[in-house]
Amino acid sequence: MKQLPTLCPSCSGMLAVKRLFCERCGTQVDGEFQLPPLPQLSAEDQGFLLQFLRADASLKELARILRLSYPTVRNRLDAIIEQLKQHESKKKEKK
């Protein structure tokens, strides 16, 4: 299955979901739905978070797995947290 695109291929703006479809019964829901914050992250950042969770949310363990220093892993996680905070603040501004 293809990965869900999050950016417009034309202008790089954030895409919104327009239609949801149930493969089981064929029901369709039309509307305008904003993507949740996690899918708005890059595939690389999503993968990093998955590895973090698989490492029992231990930065020390993740650093060992990735063969990176603890500060490098901590900085990467901090950058992702900042992105999520920005998504949240943009969401509040739209309300």
N, C-alpha and C. Protein backbone atom coordinates (compact mmCIF):
# COMPACT_ATOMS: atom_id res chain seq x y z
N MET A 1 0.85 -1.18 0.00
CA MET A 1 0.00 0.00 0.00
C MET A 1 0.89 1.24 0.00
N LYS A 2 0.49 2.26 -0.71
CA LYS A 2 1.25 3.50 -0.80
C LYS A 2 1.19 4.26 0.53
N GLN A 3 2.24 5.04 0.78
CA GLN A 3 2.26 5.87 1.98
C GLN A 3 1.39 7.10 1.75
N LEU A 4 0.69 7.53 2.77
CA LEU A 4 -0.20 8.68 2.71
C LEU A 4 0.61 9.95 2.45
N PRO A 5 0.34 10.65 1.36
CA PRO A 5 1.06 11.91 1.12
C PRO A 5 0.53 12.97 2.09
N THR A 6 1.41 13.83 2.55
CA THR A 6 1.00 14.89 3.47
C THR A 6 1.24 16.29 2.90
N LEU A 7 2.09 16.39 1.86
CA LEU A 7 2.38 17.68 1.25
C LEU A 7 1.90 17.70 -0.20
N CYS A 8 1.39 18.84 -0.61
CA CYS A 8 0.93 19.04 -1.98
C CYS A 8 2.13 18.95 -2.93
N PRO A 9 2.03 18.13 -3.99
CA PRO A 9 3.15 18.02 -4.93
C PRO A 9 3.35 19.29 -5.75
N SER A 10 2.36 20.16 -5.76
CA SER A 10 2.45 21.39 -6.56
C SER A 10 3.05 22.55 -5.77
N CYS A 11 2.54 22.79 -4.55
CA CYS A 11 2.96 23.98 -3.79
C CYS A 11 3.61 23.65 -2.45
N SER A 12 3.67 22.38 -2.08
CA SER A 12 4.23 21.91 -0.80
C SER A 12 3.39 22.31 0.42
N GLY A 13 2.15 22.72 0.19
CA GLY A 13 1.25 23.00 1.30
C GLY A 13 0.78 21.70 1.94
N MET A 14 0.28 21.79 3.17
CA MET A 14 -0.21 20.62 3.89
C MET A 14 -1.52 20.15 3.28
N LEU A 15 -1.60 18.86 2.98
CA LEU A 15 -2.83 18.28 2.43
C LEU A 15 -3.83 17.99 3.55
N ALA A 16 -5.10 18.04 3.20
CA ALA A 16 -6.17 17.66 4.11
C ALA A 16 -6.86 16.43 3.52
N VAL A 17 -7.51 15.66 4.36
CA VAL A 17 -8.24 14.48 3.90
C VAL A 17 -9.63 14.92 3.47
N LYS A 18 -10.06 14.49 2.30
CA LYS A 18 -11.37 14.88 1.75
C LYS A 18 -12.40 13.76 1.85
N ARG A 19 -11.94 12.52 1.74
CA ARG A 19 -12.89 11.40 1.74
C ARG A 19 -12.28 10.21 2.48
N LEU A 20 -13.10 9.54 3.25
CA LEU A 20 -12.73 8.29 3.92
C LEU A 20 -13.61 7.19 3.36
N PHE A 21 -13.04 6.00 3.22
CA PHE A 21 -13.75 4.90 2.57
C PHE A 21 -13.52 3.61 3.35
N CYS A 22 -14.60 2.88 3.61
CA CYS A 22 -14.53 1.58 4.28
C CYS A 22 -14.45 0.50 3.21
N GLU A 23 -13.32 -0.23 3.18
CA GLU A 23 -13.17 -1.30 2.19
C GLU A 23 -14.12 -2.46 2.46
N ARG A 24 -14.53 -2.62 3.70
CA ARG A 24 -15.38 -3.75 4.08
C ARG A 24 -16.81 -3.60 3.57
N CYS A 25 -17.41 -2.42 3.79
CA CYS A 25 -18.83 -2.28 3.41
C CYS A 25 -19.08 -1.22 2.34
N GLY A 26 -18.02 -0.48 1.97
CA GLY A 26 -18.18 0.51 0.91
C GLY A 26 -18.67 1.87 1.37
N THR A 27 -18.88 2.05 2.65
CA THR A 27 -19.33 3.35 3.15
C THR A 27 -18.27 4.40 2.88
N GLN A 28 -18.72 5.60 2.47
CA GLN A 28 -17.83 6.72 2.24
C GLN A 28 -18.26 7.89 3.10
N VAL A 29 -17.29 8.59 3.64
CA VAL A 29 -17.55 9.79 4.43
C VAL A 29 -16.81 10.93 3.74
N ASP A 30 -17.57 11.93 3.29
CA ASP A 30 -16.97 13.09 2.63
C ASP A 30 -16.96 14.27 3.58
N GLY A 31 -15.93 15.06 3.48
CA GLY A 31 -15.80 16.25 4.31
C GLY A 31 -14.39 16.78 4.18
N GLU A 32 -14.01 17.64 5.09
CA GLU A 32 -12.65 18.14 5.12
C GLU A 32 -12.08 17.84 6.49
N PHE A 33 -11.09 16.95 6.53
CA PHE A 33 -10.52 16.47 7.78
C PHE A 33 -9.03 16.77 7.81
N GLN A 34 -8.59 17.33 8.90
CA GLN A 34 -7.17 17.62 9.06
C GLN A 34 -6.44 16.36 9.50
N LEU A 35 -5.24 16.17 8.99
CA LEU A 35 -4.43 15.03 9.41
C LEU A 35 -4.01 15.20 10.86
N PRO A 36 -3.96 14.11 11.63
CA PRO A 36 -3.43 14.20 12.98
C PRO A 36 -1.94 14.59 12.93
N PRO A 37 -1.39 15.05 14.05
CA PRO A 37 0.00 15.53 14.04
C PRO A 37 1.05 14.49 13.61
N LEU A 38 0.95 13.26 14.06
CA LEU A 38 2.00 12.28 13.75
C LEU A 38 2.14 12.01 12.26
N PRO A 39 1.06 11.83 11.50
CA PRO A 39 1.23 11.62 10.06
C PRO A 39 1.79 12.85 9.33
N GLN A 40 1.74 14.01 9.97
CA GLN A 40 2.28 15.21 9.35
C GLN A 40 3.80 15.27 9.45
N LEU A 41 4.38 14.42 10.29
CA LEU A 41 5.83 14.35 10.39
C LEU A 41 6.39 13.63 9.17
N SER A 42 7.66 13.87 8.87
CA SER A 42 8.29 13.17 7.75
C SER A 42 8.35 11.67 8.05
N ALA A 43 8.47 10.88 7.01
CA ALA A 43 8.59 9.43 7.19
C ALA A 43 9.80 9.10 8.06
N GLU A 44 10.86 9.85 7.90
CA GLU A 44 12.08 9.64 8.69
C GLU A 44 11.82 9.90 10.18
N ASP A 45 11.10 10.98 10.48
CA ASP A 45 10.78 11.28 11.88
C ASP A 45 9.81 10.26 12.47
N GLN A 46 8.85 9.81 11.67
CA GLN A 46 7.92 8.78 12.13
C GLN A 46 8.69 7.50 12.45
N GLY A 47 9.63 7.15 11.59
CA GLY A 47 10.45 5.96 11.82
C GLY A 47 11.28 6.08 13.08
N PHE A 48 11.82 7.27 13.33
CA PHE A 48 12.59 7.51 14.54
C PHE A 48 11.71 7.29 15.78
N LEU A 49 10.48 7.83 15.74
CA LEU A 49 9.58 7.65 16.88
C LEU A 49 9.22 6.19 17.09
N LEU A 50 9.03 5.44 16.01
CA LEU A 50 8.74 4.01 16.14
C LEU A 50 9.92 3.28 16.78
N GLN A 51 11.12 3.61 16.35
CA GLN A 51 12.30 3.00 16.96
C GLN A 51 12.40 3.36 18.44
N PHE A 52 12.08 4.60 18.77
CA PHE A 52 12.10 5.06 20.16
C PHE A 52 11.12 4.23 21.00
N LEU A 53 9.93 4.02 20.48
CA LEU A 53 8.94 3.23 21.20
C LEU A 53 9.37 1.77 21.33
N ARG A 54 9.95 1.23 20.27
CA ARG A 54 10.43 -0.16 20.31
C ARG A 54 11.58 -0.32 21.31
N ALA A 55 12.29 0.78 21.58
CA ALA A 55 13.38 0.77 22.55
C ALA A 55 12.84 1.07 23.95
N ASP A 56 11.55 0.83 24.15
CA ASP A 56 10.88 1.07 25.43
C ASP A 56 11.00 2.52 25.88
N ALA A 57 10.99 3.44 24.91
CA ALA A 57 11.08 4.88 25.17
C ALA A 57 12.33 5.23 25.97
N SER A 58 13.38 4.49 25.73
CA SER A 58 14.67 4.73 26.39
C SER A 58 15.62 5.38 25.40
N LEU A 59 15.96 6.63 25.65
CA LEU A 59 16.90 7.31 24.77
C LEU A 59 18.27 6.64 24.80
N LYS A 60 18.65 6.16 25.95
CA LYS A 60 19.94 5.47 26.08
C LYS A 60 19.96 4.22 25.20
N GLU A 61 18.89 3.44 25.24
CA GLU A 61 18.79 2.23 24.43
C GLU A 61 18.73 2.58 22.94
N LEU A 62 17.98 3.62 22.60
CA LEU A 62 17.88 4.03 21.20
C LEU A 62 19.24 4.49 20.68
N ALA A 63 19.97 5.22 21.47
CA ALA A 63 21.31 5.67 21.08
C ALA A 63 22.20 4.46 20.81
N ARG A 64 22.09 3.43 21.64
CA ARG A 64 22.87 2.22 21.44
C ARG A 64 22.49 1.53 20.14
N ILE A 65 21.18 1.40 19.89
CA ILE A 65 20.68 0.74 18.67
C ILE A 65 21.13 1.49 17.42
N LEU A 66 21.01 2.82 17.46
CA LEU A 66 21.34 3.63 16.29
C LEU A 66 22.83 3.93 16.17
N ARG A 67 23.57 3.54 17.20
CA ARG A 67 25.01 3.82 17.25
C ARG A 67 25.30 5.31 17.14
N LEU A 68 24.51 6.08 17.89
CA LEU A 68 24.66 7.52 17.97
C LEU A 68 24.88 7.91 19.42
N SER A 69 25.36 9.11 19.64
CA SER A 69 25.53 9.58 21.01
C SER A 69 24.17 9.92 21.61
N TYR A 70 24.11 9.81 22.93
CA TYR A 70 22.87 10.16 23.63
C TYR A 70 22.44 11.59 23.29
N PRO A 71 23.36 12.60 23.33
CA PRO A 71 22.93 13.97 23.01
C PRO A 71 22.37 14.11 21.59
N THR A 72 22.90 13.35 20.63
CA THR A 72 22.38 13.41 19.27
C THR A 72 20.95 12.90 19.21
N VAL A 73 20.70 11.79 19.89
CA VAL A 73 19.35 11.22 19.92
C VAL A 73 18.40 12.16 20.67
N ARG A 74 18.87 12.72 21.77
CA ARG A 74 18.04 13.66 22.56
C ARG A 74 17.68 14.88 21.71
N ASN A 75 18.66 15.42 20.97
CA ASN A 75 18.39 16.59 20.12
C ASN A 75 17.40 16.26 19.02
N ARG A 76 17.51 15.07 18.45
CA ARG A 76 16.57 14.64 17.41
C ARG A 76 15.15 14.55 17.96
N LEU A 77 15.02 13.96 19.14
CA LEU A 77 13.70 13.86 19.76
C LEU A 77 13.15 15.24 20.11
N ASP A 78 14.02 16.11 20.63
CA ASP A 78 13.58 17.48 20.95
C ASP A 78 13.08 18.21 19.71
N ALA A 79 13.74 18.01 18.57
CA ALA A 79 13.33 18.65 17.32
C ALA A 79 11.94 18.15 16.89
N ILE A 80 11.71 16.85 17.06
CA ILE A 80 10.40 16.28 16.71
C ILE A 80 9.33 16.81 17.64
N ILE A 81 9.64 16.90 18.92
CA ILE A 81 8.69 17.44 19.90
C ILE A 81 8.34 18.88 19.53
N GLU A 82 9.32 19.65 19.12
CA GLU A 82 9.08 21.04 18.72
C GLU A 82 8.16 21.10 17.50
N GLN A 83 8.37 20.21 16.54
CA GLN A 83 7.48 20.16 15.38
C GLN A 83 6.04 19.87 15.79
N LEU A 84 5.87 18.93 16.71
CA LEU A 84 4.53 18.58 17.18
C LEU A 84 3.88 19.75 17.91
N LYS A 85 4.67 20.48 18.68
CA LYS A 85 4.15 21.68 19.37
C LYS A 85 3.70 22.73 18.36
N GLN A 86 4.47 22.89 17.28
CA GLN A 86 4.10 23.85 16.24
C GLN A 86 2.80 23.45 15.56
N HIS A 87 2.63 22.15 15.29
CA HIS A 87 1.37 21.67 14.70
C HIS A 87 0.21 21.97 15.64
N GLU A 88 0.43 21.75 16.93
CA GLU A 88 -0.63 21.99 17.91
C GLU A 88 -0.98 23.48 17.99
N SER A 89 0.02 24.35 17.95
CA SER A 89 -0.27 25.78 18.03
C SER A 89 -0.98 26.27 16.77
N LYS A 90 -0.63 25.71 15.59
CA LYS A 90 -1.34 26.07 14.36
C LYS A 90 -2.79 25.61 14.42
N LYS A 91 -3.01 24.44 15.01
CA LYS A 91 -4.37 23.90 15.15
C LYS A 91 -5.21 24.82 16.03
N LYS A 92 -4.62 25.32 17.12
CA LYS A 92 -5.34 26.22 18.03
C LYS A 92 -5.63 27.55 17.37
N GLU A 93 -4.72 28.03 16.51
CA GLU A 93 -4.92 29.30 15.81
C GLU A 93 -6.10 29.23 14.85
N LYS A 94 -6.33 28.06 14.25
CA LYS A 94 -7.43 27.91 13.28
C LYS A 94 -8.80 27.87 13.93
N LYS A 95 -8.84 27.58 15.23
CA LYS A 95 -10.14 27.47 15.93
C LYS A 95 -10.74 28.83 16.19
